[in-house]
Protein backbone atom coordinates (compact mmCIF):
# COMPACT_ATOMS: atom_id res chain seq x y z
CA MET A 1 5.56 18.08 5.91
CA GLY A 2 6.19 15.27 3.42
CA LEU A 3 3.69 12.40 2.71
CA PHE A 4 5.96 9.92 4.27
CA ASP A 5 6.05 12.17 7.47
CA SER A 6 2.25 12.15 7.62
CA PHE A 7 1.99 8.39 7.12
CA SER A 8 4.53 7.80 9.85
CA LYS A 9 2.63 9.90 12.24
CA ILE A 10 -0.52 8.09 11.68
CA PHE A 11 1.21 4.69 12.29
CA GLN A 12 2.81 6.01 15.46
CA GLY A 13 -0.48 7.49 16.52
CA LEU A 14 -2.18 4.06 16.44
CA SER A 15 0.57 2.53 18.65
CA ARG A 16 -1.65 2.14 21.61
CA THR A 17 -4.44 0.56 19.67
CA ARG A 18 -2.00 -1.75 17.80
CA GLU A 19 -0.41 -2.84 21.06
CA GLY A 20 -3.76 -3.86 22.37
CA ILE A 21 -4.27 -6.23 19.44
CA SER A 22 -0.78 -7.20 18.29
CA ASP A 23 -0.47 -10.33 20.45
CA LYS A 24 -3.87 -11.48 19.23
CA ILE A 25 -2.84 -10.91 15.76
CA ARG A 26 0.39 -12.82 16.17
CA GLY A 27 -1.66 -15.56 17.66
CA LEU A 28 -3.76 -15.76 14.58
CA ARG A 29 -0.69 -16.06 12.55
CA SER A 30 1.01 -18.75 14.66
CA ASP A 31 -1.94 -20.84 15.32
CA GLU A 32 -1.35 -24.28 13.72
CA ARG A 33 -4.87 -24.77 12.80
CA GLU A 34 -6.01 -24.32 9.31
CA ILE A 35 -8.35 -21.46 8.38
CA ASP A 36 -11.62 -22.38 9.95
CA GLU A 37 -14.60 -20.70 11.58
CA GLY A 38 -12.64 -20.35 14.90
CA PHE A 39 -10.11 -18.16 12.90
CA PHE A 40 -12.78 -15.79 11.69
CA GLU A 41 -14.39 -15.74 15.01
CA SER A 42 -11.08 -14.69 16.60
CA MET A 43 -10.62 -12.14 13.88
CA GLU A 44 -13.89 -10.52 14.78
CA GLU A 45 -13.11 -10.50 18.40
CA ILE A 46 -9.84 -8.76 17.64
CA LEU A 47 -11.65 -6.08 15.67
CA ILE A 48 -14.45 -5.52 18.33
CA GLY A 49 -11.73 -5.23 20.98
CA ALA A 50 -10.17 -2.30 18.98
CA ASP A 51 -13.61 -0.54 19.04
CA VAL A 52 -14.34 -1.15 15.49
CA GLY A 53 -17.88 -1.93 16.61
CA VAL A 54 -19.90 -5.16 16.48
CA ARG A 55 -21.71 -4.44 13.27
CA VAL A 56 -18.78 -3.21 11.31
CA ALA A 57 -16.47 -5.87 12.58
CA GLY A 58 -19.07 -8.54 11.44
CA GLU A 59 -19.40 -7.06 8.09
CA LEU A 60 -15.67 -6.88 7.70
CA VAL A 61 -15.07 -10.60 8.65
CA SER A 62 -18.04 -11.78 6.52
CA SER A 63 -16.40 -9.96 3.51
CA VAL A 64 -13.00 -11.54 4.35
CA ARG A 65 -14.51 -14.96 4.76
CA GLN A 66 -16.23 -14.68 1.29
CA GLU A 67 -13.01 -13.47 -0.33
CA VAL A 68 -10.89 -16.20 1.18
CA GLY A 69 -13.28 -18.81 -0.27
CA GLN A 70 -13.38 -17.38 -3.65
CA ARG A 71 -9.58 -17.10 -3.83
CA LYS A 72 -9.20 -20.46 -2.17
CA VAL A 73 -6.80 -19.03 0.30
CA SER A 74 -5.14 -21.43 2.78
CA GLY A 75 -2.55 -19.22 4.34
CA LYS A 76 -3.34 -17.13 7.45
CA GLU A 77 -0.99 -14.39 6.36
CA GLU A 78 -2.81 -13.99 3.14
CA ALA A 79 -6.19 -13.91 4.90
CA LEU A 80 -4.92 -11.06 7.09
CA LYS A 81 -3.72 -9.15 3.96
CA ILE A 82 -7.25 -9.56 2.62
CA LEU A 83 -8.51 -7.97 6.07
CA ARG A 84 -6.17 -5.02 5.51
CA GLU A 85 -7.52 -4.70 1.89
CA LYS A 86 -11.00 -4.61 3.09
CA ILE A 87 -10.25 -2.05 5.76
CA VAL A 88 -8.62 0.21 3.25
CA GLY A 89 -11.57 -0.15 0.84
CA LEU A 90 -13.99 0.77 3.67
CA LEU A 91 -11.97 3.78 4.69
CA SER A 92 -11.59 4.98 1.05
CA GLU A 93 -15.29 5.36 0.42
CA ASN A 94 -16.47 8.86 -0.08
CA ILE A 95 -12.91 10.17 0.58
CA ASP A 96 -12.57 12.48 -2.42
CA ARG A 97 -13.48 15.94 -1.69
CA PRO A 98 -16.10 17.28 -4.16
CA HIS A 99 -14.97 20.10 -6.43
CA ARG A 100 -16.96 23.23 -5.69
CA GLU A 101 -16.92 26.27 -7.77
CA SER A 102 -17.24 29.19 -5.37
CA GLU A 103 -15.94 32.62 -4.74
CA ARG A 104 -13.49 33.20 -1.95
CA PRO A 105 -13.27 32.62 0.84
CA GLU A 106 -13.90 28.83 1.40
CA VAL A 107 -15.81 28.75 4.81
CA ILE A 108 -15.01 25.92 6.99
CA LEU A 109 -17.18 25.32 10.06
CA ILE A 110 -15.62 23.47 13.02
CA VAL A 111 -18.17 21.68 15.13
CA GLY A 112 -18.34 19.13 17.97
CA VAL A 113 -19.02 18.50 21.58
CA ASN A 114 -17.18 20.20 24.57
CA GLY A 115 -13.59 19.05 25.11
CA GLY A 116 -13.18 17.34 21.74
CA GLY A 117 -10.46 19.68 20.57
CA LYS A 118 -12.31 22.20 18.22
CA THR A 119 -10.33 25.28 19.11
CA THR A 120 -6.99 23.51 18.71
CA THR A 121 -8.10 21.91 15.47
CA ALA A 122 -9.11 25.39 14.08
CA GLY A 123 -5.59 26.55 14.87
CA LYS A 124 -3.79 23.49 13.56
CA LEU A 125 -5.87 23.78 10.31
CA ALA A 126 -5.01 27.44 9.98
CA PHE A 127 -1.41 26.62 10.50
CA ARG A 128 -1.42 24.08 7.73
CA MET A 129 -3.05 26.56 5.31
CA LEU A 130 -0.74 29.47 6.21
CA ARG A 131 2.39 27.03 5.74
CA ASP A 132 0.96 26.29 2.23
CA GLY A 133 0.98 30.02 1.31
CA LYS A 134 -2.93 30.57 1.62
CA SER A 135 -4.42 33.44 3.36
CA VAL A 136 -6.53 32.68 6.39
CA LEU A 137 -8.97 34.44 8.71
CA LEU A 138 -10.07 32.74 12.12
CA SER A 139 -13.52 33.46 13.38
CA ALA A 140 -14.15 33.04 17.21
CA ALA A 141 -17.76 32.19 17.12
CA ASP A 142 -17.65 30.35 20.42
CA THR A 143 -19.03 33.46 22.42
CA PHE A 144 -20.39 31.19 25.30
CA ARG A 145 -17.19 30.01 26.91
CA ALA A 146 -15.30 32.96 28.35
CA ALA A 147 -11.83 31.65 27.53
CA ALA A 148 -12.62 30.34 24.05
CA ALA A 149 -12.00 33.48 22.08
CA GLU A 150 -8.83 34.30 24.13
CA GLN A 151 -7.58 30.56 23.39
CA LEU A 152 -8.15 31.16 19.66
CA LYS A 153 -6.44 34.47 19.72
CA ILE A 154 -3.32 33.06 21.46
CA LEU A 155 -3.23 30.41 18.67
CA ALA A 156 -3.74 32.95 15.99
CA ASP A 157 -0.91 35.08 17.38
CA ARG A 158 1.21 32.00 17.53
CA ILE A 159 0.79 31.02 13.91
CA GLY A 160 0.53 34.54 12.51
CA SER A 161 -3.23 34.43 11.54
CA GLU A 162 -5.69 37.27 11.56
CA ILE A 163 -8.80 36.68 13.73
CA ILE A 164 -12.27 38.19 14.18
CA THR A 165 -13.65 38.34 17.73
CA GLN A 166 -16.52 39.89 19.49
CA ALA A 167 -17.65 40.42 23.17
CA ASP A 168 -18.59 37.32 25.22
CA GLY A 169 -22.29 36.40 24.81
CA ALA A 170 -22.50 37.94 21.33
CA ASP A 171 -24.73 36.24 18.78
CA PRO A 172 -22.52 33.51 17.16
CA ALA A 173 -24.43 33.74 13.81
CA ALA A 174 -23.72 37.51 13.89
CA VAL A 175 -19.99 36.80 14.50
CA VAL A 176 -19.81 34.47 11.36
CA PHE A 177 -21.61 37.06 9.33
CA ASP A 178 -19.12 39.76 10.21
CA SER A 179 -16.27 37.29 9.67
CA ILE A 180 -17.50 36.42 6.21
CA ARG A 181 -17.68 39.99 5.26
CA ALA A 182 -14.26 40.59 6.68
CA ALA A 183 -12.77 37.74 4.91
CA ARG A 184 -14.25 38.84 1.65
CA SER A 185 -12.95 42.43 1.87
CA ARG A 186 -9.43 41.08 2.70
CA ASN A 187 -9.60 38.49 -0.15
CA CYS A 188 -8.77 35.67 1.99
CA ASP A 189 -8.63 32.13 0.79
CA TYR A 190 -10.02 30.52 3.84
CA LEU A 191 -12.28 31.36 6.75
CA ILE A 192 -12.25 28.93 9.66
CA VAL A 193 -15.09 29.26 12.17
CA ASP A 194 -14.71 27.96 15.66
CA THR A 195 -17.89 27.28 17.35
CA ALA A 196 -19.10 26.47 20.87
CA GLY A 197 -19.03 22.98 22.04
CA ARG A 198 -22.58 21.44 21.68
CA LEU A 199 -24.03 18.63 23.67
CA HIS A 200 -25.53 16.47 20.78
CA THR A 201 -28.41 15.62 23.18
CA LYS A 202 -29.41 19.22 23.37
CA SER A 203 -31.60 19.99 20.30
CA ASN A 204 -31.79 23.87 20.87
CA LEU A 205 -28.10 24.17 20.93
CA MET A 206 -27.91 21.94 17.76
CA LYS A 207 -30.52 24.23 16.08
CA GLU A 208 -28.28 27.19 16.74
CA LEU A 209 -25.47 25.53 14.79
CA GLU A 210 -28.18 25.26 11.95
CA LYS A 211 -28.83 28.89 12.22
CA ILE A 212 -25.10 29.71 11.82
CA ALA A 213 -24.90 27.55 8.77
CA LYS A 214 -27.96 29.45 7.21
CA VAL A 215 -26.52 32.83 7.92
CA ALA A 216 -23.45 31.85 6.28
CA GLY A 217 -25.17 30.53 3.18
CA LYS A 218 -27.11 33.86 2.94
CA GLU A 219 -23.99 35.92 2.95
CA LEU A 220 -21.92 33.81 0.76
CA LYS A 221 -23.28 31.23 -1.76
CA GLY A 222 -22.50 27.59 -0.83
CA ALA A 223 -21.25 28.53 2.63
CA PRO A 224 -20.30 26.71 4.85
CA HIS A 225 -18.26 24.85 1.96
CA GLU A 226 -16.92 22.15 4.63
CA VAL A 227 -18.42 21.29 8.04
CA LEU A 228 -15.72 19.36 10.06
CA LEU A 229 -16.95 17.35 12.97
CA VAL A 230 -14.21 17.02 15.52
CA ILE A 231 -14.45 13.73 17.44
CA ASP A 232 -12.18 12.70 20.34
CA ALA A 233 -10.93 9.31 19.46
CA THR A 234 -10.71 8.40 23.28
CA THR A 235 -14.64 8.47 23.42
CA GLY A 236 -14.79 5.37 21.39
CA GLN A 237 -18.30 4.35 20.10
CA ASN A 238 -19.88 7.34 21.89
CA GLY A 239 -18.25 9.36 19.21
CA LEU A 240 -20.48 7.61 16.61
CA SER A 241 -23.59 8.70 18.47
CA GLN A 242 -22.33 12.32 18.48
CA ALA A 243 -21.66 12.15 14.59
CA LYS A 244 -25.13 10.90 13.96
CA GLU A 245 -26.87 13.85 15.82
CA PHE A 246 -24.55 16.49 14.21
CA LEU A 247 -25.08 15.11 10.83
CA LYS A 248 -28.84 15.87 11.18
CA PHE A 249 -28.34 19.44 11.97
CA THR A 250 -25.37 20.75 10.32
CA GLY A 251 -24.68 18.56 7.12
CA VAL A 252 -21.30 17.36 8.22
CA THR A 253 -18.98 16.89 5.33
CA ALA A 254 -16.02 15.06 7.00
CA THR A 255 -14.67 14.41 10.51
CA VAL A 256 -11.46 15.19 12.32
CA LEU A 257 -10.30 12.50 14.58
CA THR A 258 -8.35 13.98 17.57
CA LYS A 259 -6.24 12.41 20.18
CA LEU A 260 -5.50 9.21 18.17
CA ASP A 261 -2.31 8.86 19.95
CA GLY A 262 -3.94 8.74 23.36
CA THR A 263 -6.33 5.84 22.94
CA ALA A 264 -6.49 2.07 22.39
CA ARG A 265 -9.92 2.67 20.66
CA GLY A 266 -8.48 3.69 17.26
CA GLY A 267 -10.87 1.30 15.54
CA ILE A 268 -13.65 3.89 15.86
CA ALA A 269 -12.49 5.37 12.48
CA LEU A 270 -13.96 2.36 10.70
CA SER A 271 -17.34 2.77 12.45
CA ILE A 272 -17.52 6.42 11.54
CA CYS A 273 -16.75 5.85 7.93
CA ARG A 274 -19.13 2.89 7.60
CA GLU A 275 -22.04 4.12 9.63
CA MET A 276 -22.10 7.66 8.73
CA LYS A 277 -20.92 7.48 5.05
CA ILE A 278 -18.55 10.52 5.56
CA PRO A 279 -14.75 10.50 5.33
CA ILE A 280 -12.16 11.23 7.89
CA ARG A 281 -10.29 14.34 6.59
CA TYR A 282 -7.57 14.75 9.35
CA VAL A 283 -6.32 13.01 12.39
CA GLY A 284 -4.70 14.49 15.43
CA VAL A 285 -1.67 12.64 16.77
CA GLY A 286 0.03 15.02 19.07
CA GLU A 287 0.04 18.50 20.83
CA GLY A 288 2.11 20.38 18.16
CA MET A 289 0.78 22.54 15.44
CA GLU A 290 2.26 20.10 12.95
CA ASP A 291 0.52 17.07 14.68
CA MET A 292 -2.72 17.20 12.51
CA VAL A 293 -2.18 15.23 9.33
CA ASP A 294 -4.11 14.10 6.23
CA PHE A 295 -5.85 10.80 6.97
CA SER A 296 -4.48 7.88 4.92
CA PRO A 297 -6.65 4.66 4.67
CA GLU A 298 -3.52 2.64 3.75
CA GLU A 299 -1.46 3.88 6.69
CA TYR A 300 -4.34 3.51 9.07
CA ALA A 301 -4.68 -0.18 8.20
CA ARG A 302 -0.99 -0.68 8.47
CA GLY A 303 -0.93 1.05 11.85
CA LEU A 304 -4.00 -0.92 13.06
CA LEU A 305 -2.87 -4.42 12.16
CA GLY A 306 0.87 -3.91 12.33
CA ASN A 307 3.64 -3.52 9.72
CA GLU A 308 3.91 -7.14 8.87
CA SER A 309 0.45 -7.44 7.54
């Protein structure tokens, strides 16, 4: 998939969010009043309505207000362009992946609450890597949900990936231990570990994730090298609460925002990046294996505010 295709998918995925605010954005443009406090209040209300969050919306608008004053901007279109610049800047913070020197495989832990799309995300990520010519091993470490391993196996067969599974009820940390050994013996580039859905309010389950990470680190230095928190975009601000708890226990390095195409709450991406200081790595914009794309701050801002801005 080309870079343009990825950008286009993000823009299309934000259509429901954009439709919810497009009339209000047009109203800001067409209002005959000069830029005044009412203009900025309306801008903040629009952002809050897109589920950006009260705190983050306030910070963004305050920054835009300051920039408008410094540049002596009088046109509303220019003010909206400044808003777009601020959104891109916020989303670009911490986005670069740190370079890690490590022996293969690179271990990627997929975490999140029930129903967020972890298993599908693991399959889509493996598909991307295989498409890029990398060798991948999937690890079915969700041993609590009877159908989880079978679901991952179906995806593995579909995309042509190898997979490690054990019996239902097996120790998830033991599955990860065996998977790392198997990935090393097969000289795999990546090991993608699918974990059981955790309720972020249940500390005992969260501590089990912590155990998985520790076992991985003992078997392979630096593992897990990436911990991807899968967040269902349709949950809105509740996803931010989830992220905070997972960050405490698993050292989340980035997020995957799923079901972006099914929500009018796409503004949650801004809250995640600002409040958690962690980047969004990928976004899910459809059901197909190819419908998980690299996150682009520029295309996200364009998709949120509309093409004209």
